[in-house]
C-alpha atoms as a PDB file:
ATOM      1  CA  MET A   1       0.000   0.000   0.000  1.00  0.00           C
ATOM      2  CA  ALA A   2       3.004   2.267   0.233  1.00  0.00           C
ATOM      3  CA  PHE A   3       2.944   2.376  -3.556  1.00  0.00           C
ATOM      4  CA  ILE A   4      -0.575   3.851  -3.529  1.00  0.00           C
ATOM      5  CA  ALA A   5       0.443   6.369  -0.850  1.00  0.00           C
ATOM      6  CA  ILE A   6       3.448   7.531  -2.869  1.00  0.00           C
ATOM      7  CA  LEU A   7       1.424   7.823  -6.088  1.00  0.00           C
ATOM      8  CA  SER A   8      -1.234   9.797  -4.217  1.00  0.00           C
ATOM      9  CA  ALA A   9       1.393  12.132  -2.773  1.00  0.00           C
ATOM     10  CA  ILE A  10       2.847  12.763  -6.235  1.00  0.00           C
ATOM     11  CA  ALA A  11      -0.653  13.466  -7.551  1.00  0.00           C
ATOM     12  CA  VAL A  12      -1.213  15.939  -4.693  1.00  0.00           C
ATOM     13  CA  VAL A  13       2.034  17.765  -5.526  1.00  0.00           C
ATOM     14  CA  VAL A  14       1.083  18.106  -9.199  1.00  0.00           C
ATOM     15  CA  TRP A  15      -2.508  19.073  -8.356  1.00  0.00           C
ATOM     16  CA  PHE A  16      -1.462  21.797  -5.907  1.00  0.00           C
ATOM     17  CA  TYR A  17       1.271  23.138  -8.197  1.00  0.00           C
ATOM     18  CA  LYS A  18      -1.109  23.447 -11.160  1.00  0.00           C
ATOM     19  CA  SER A  19      -3.762  25.042  -8.959  1.00  0.00           C
ATOM     20  CA  ALA A  20      -1.261  27.615  -7.703  1.00  0.00           C
ATOM     21  CA  VAL A  21      -0.101  28.489 -11.193  1.00  0.00           C
ATOM     22  CA  THR A  22      -3.734  28.920 -12.258  1.00  0.00           C
ATOM     23  CA  VAL A  23      -4.355  31.563  -9.568  1.00  0.00           C
ATOM     24  CA  ARG A  24      -0.902  33.134 -10.010  1.00  0.00           C
ATOM     25  CA  GLN A  25       0.545  32.014  -6.673  1.00  0.00           C
ATOM     26  CA  ASN A  26       3.812  30.337  -5.693  1.00  0.00           C
ATOM     27  CA  GLY A  27       3.507  26.732  -6.919  1.00  0.00           C
ATOM     28  CA  ILE A  28       6.364  25.363  -4.814  1.00  0.00           C
ATOM     29  CA  LYS A  29       4.813  26.742  -1.632  1.00  0.00           C
ATOM     30  CA  TRP A  30       1.390  25.325  -2.445  1.00  0.00           C
ATOM     31  CA  ALA A  31       2.809  21.923  -3.410  1.00  0.00           C
ATOM     32  CA  THR A  32       4.760  21.781  -0.157  1.00  0.00           C
ATOM     33  CA  VAL A  33       1.712  22.698   1.919  1.00  0.00           C
ATOM     34  CA  GLY A  34      -0.374  20.110   0.077  1.00  0.00           C
ATOM     35  CA  VAL A  35       2.038  17.214   0.431  1.00  0.00           C
ATOM     36  CA  VAL A  36       2.768  17.999   4.093  1.00  0.00           C
ATOM     37  CA  GLY A  37      -0.954  18.077   4.830  1.00  0.00           C
ATOM     38  CA  TYR A  38      -1.391  14.786   2.985  1.00  0.00           C
ATOM     39  CA  TRP A  39       1.393  13.030   4.888  1.00  0.00           C
ATOM     40  CA  ILE A  40       0.331  14.359   8.296  1.00  0.00           C
ATOM     41  CA  ALA A  41      -3.202  13.043   7.775  1.00  0.00           C
ATOM     42  CA  TRP A  42      -1.824   9.786   6.352  1.00  0.00           C
ATOM     43  CA  TRP A  43       0.359   9.147   9.393  1.00  0.00           C
ATOM     44  CA  ILE A  44      -2.329  10.105  11.900  1.00  0.00           C
ATOM     45  CA  VAL A  45      -4.802   7.645  10.370  1.00  0.00           C
ATOM     46  CA  LYS A  46      -2.118   4.985   9.920  1.00  0.00           C
ATOM     47  CA  LEU A  47      -1.048   5.153  13.566  1.00  0.00           C
ATOM     48  CA  THR A  48      -4.539   5.385  15.063  1.00  0.00           C
ATOM     49  CA  VAL A  49      -7.308   3.937  12.914  1.00  0.00           C
ATOM     50  CA  VAL A  50      -5.380   1.283  11.023  1.00  0.00           C
ATOM     51  CA  SER A  51      -3.605  -0.022  14.093  1.00  0.00           C
ATOM     52  CA  GLY A  52      -6.971  -0.191  15.873  1.00  0.00           C
ATOM     53  CA  LEU A  53      -8.637  -2.021  12.985  1.00  0.00           C
ATOM     54  CA  SER A  54      -5.779  -4.397  12.258  1.00  0.00           C
ATOM     55  CA  GLY A  55      -7.757  -7.259  13.795  1.00  0.00           C
ATOM     56  CA  LEU A  56     -10.414  -6.829  11.116  1.00  0.00           C
ATOM     57  CA  ALA A  57      -7.816  -7.038   8.382  1.00  0.00           C
ATOM     58  CA  ALA A  58      -7.045 -10.625   9.364  1.00  0.00           C
ATOM     59  CA  LYS A  59     -10.694 -11.660   8.900  1.00  0.00           C
ATOM     60  CA  GLY A  60     -10.912 -11.075   5.176  1.00  0.00           C
ATOM     61  CA  ALA A  61      -8.900  -9.914   2.215  1.00  0.00           C
ATOM     62  CA  PHE A  62     -11.408  -7.273   1.101  1.00  0.00           C
ATOM     63  CA  ILE A  63     -11.746  -5.747   4.562  1.00  0.00           C
ATOM     64  CA  GLY A  64      -7.976  -5.769   4.906  1.00  0.00           C
ATOM     65  CA  PHE A  65      -7.618  -3.965   1.597  1.00  0.00           C
ATOM     66  CA  ILE A  66     -10.118  -1.290   2.657  1.00  0.00           C
ATOM     67  CA  VAL A  67      -8.376  -0.821   6.015  1.00  0.00           C
ATOM     68  CA  LEU A  68      -5.044  -0.358   4.239  1.00  0.00           C
ATOM     69  CA  LEU A  69      -6.548   2.236   1.890  1.00  0.00           C
ATOM     70  CA  LEU A  70      -7.950   4.384   4.719  1.00  0.00           C
ATOM     71  CA  PRO A  71      -4.767   6.452   5.303  1.00  0.00           C
ATOM     72  CA  SER A  72      -4.523   7.370   1.621  1.00  0.00           C
ATOM     73  CA  LEU A  73      -8.197   8.297   1.477  1.00  0.00           C
ATOM     74  CA  ALA A  74      -7.851  10.439   4.597  1.00  0.00           C
ATOM     75  CA  GLY A  75      -4.765  12.128   3.138  1.00  0.00           C
ATOM     76  CA  LEU A  76      -6.573  12.907  -0.107  1.00  0.00           C
ATOM     77  CA  ALA A  77      -9.585  14.265   1.774  1.00  0.00           C
ATOM     78  CA  THR A  78      -7.285  16.488   3.817  1.00  0.00           C
ATOM     79  CA  ALA A  79      -5.507  17.674   0.668  1.00  0.00           C
ATOM     80  CA  PHE A  80      -8.871  18.519  -0.893  1.00  0.00           C
ATOM     81  CA  LEU A  81      -9.840  20.655   2.109  1.00  0.00           C
ATOM     82  CA  VAL A  82      -6.428  22.360   2.289  1.00  0.00           C
ATOM     83  CA  ARG A  83      -6.562  23.185  -1.433  1.00  0.00           C
ATOM     84  CA  LYS A  84     -10.042  24.584  -1.042  1.00  0.00           C
ATOM     85  CA  ARG A  85      -8.825  26.842   1.774  1.00  0.00           C
ATOM     86  CA  LEU A  86      -5.805  28.006  -0.247  1.00  0.00           C
ATOM     87  CA  LEU A  87      -8.034  28.862  -3.213  1.00  0.00           C
ATOM     88  CA  VAL A  88     -10.346  30.906  -0.983  1.00  0.00           C
ATOM     89  CA  ASP A  89      -7.377  32.753   0.522  1.00  0.00           C
ATOM     90  CA  ALA A  90      -5.935  33.438  -2.936  1.00  0.00           C
ATOM     91  CA  ALA A  91      -9.252  34.890  -4.102  1.00  0.00           C
ATOM     92  CA  TYR A  92      -9.145  37.529  -1.355  1.00  0.00           C
ATOM     93  CA  LYS A  93      -5.621  38.749  -2.108  1.00  0.00           C
END
């Protein structure tokens, strides 16, 4: 699942950079904020939710797959909210 997490992080960097360029902001700064937000959320969910649900992962392959995807989904949701906030802030400058 680390492969999915890394691909998601790369997608977040590209997404934030292109969004920043669109609104004429610093792309490197936005990409850094986006990927840091993604990884913080990823680690928080990985260390709390996934470790708590690890017993369910042993009961079935599908449930285990879903449990392992939760950190990436949480990271992407966080990135979405952070990007939304950055776009609102850029509109008021």
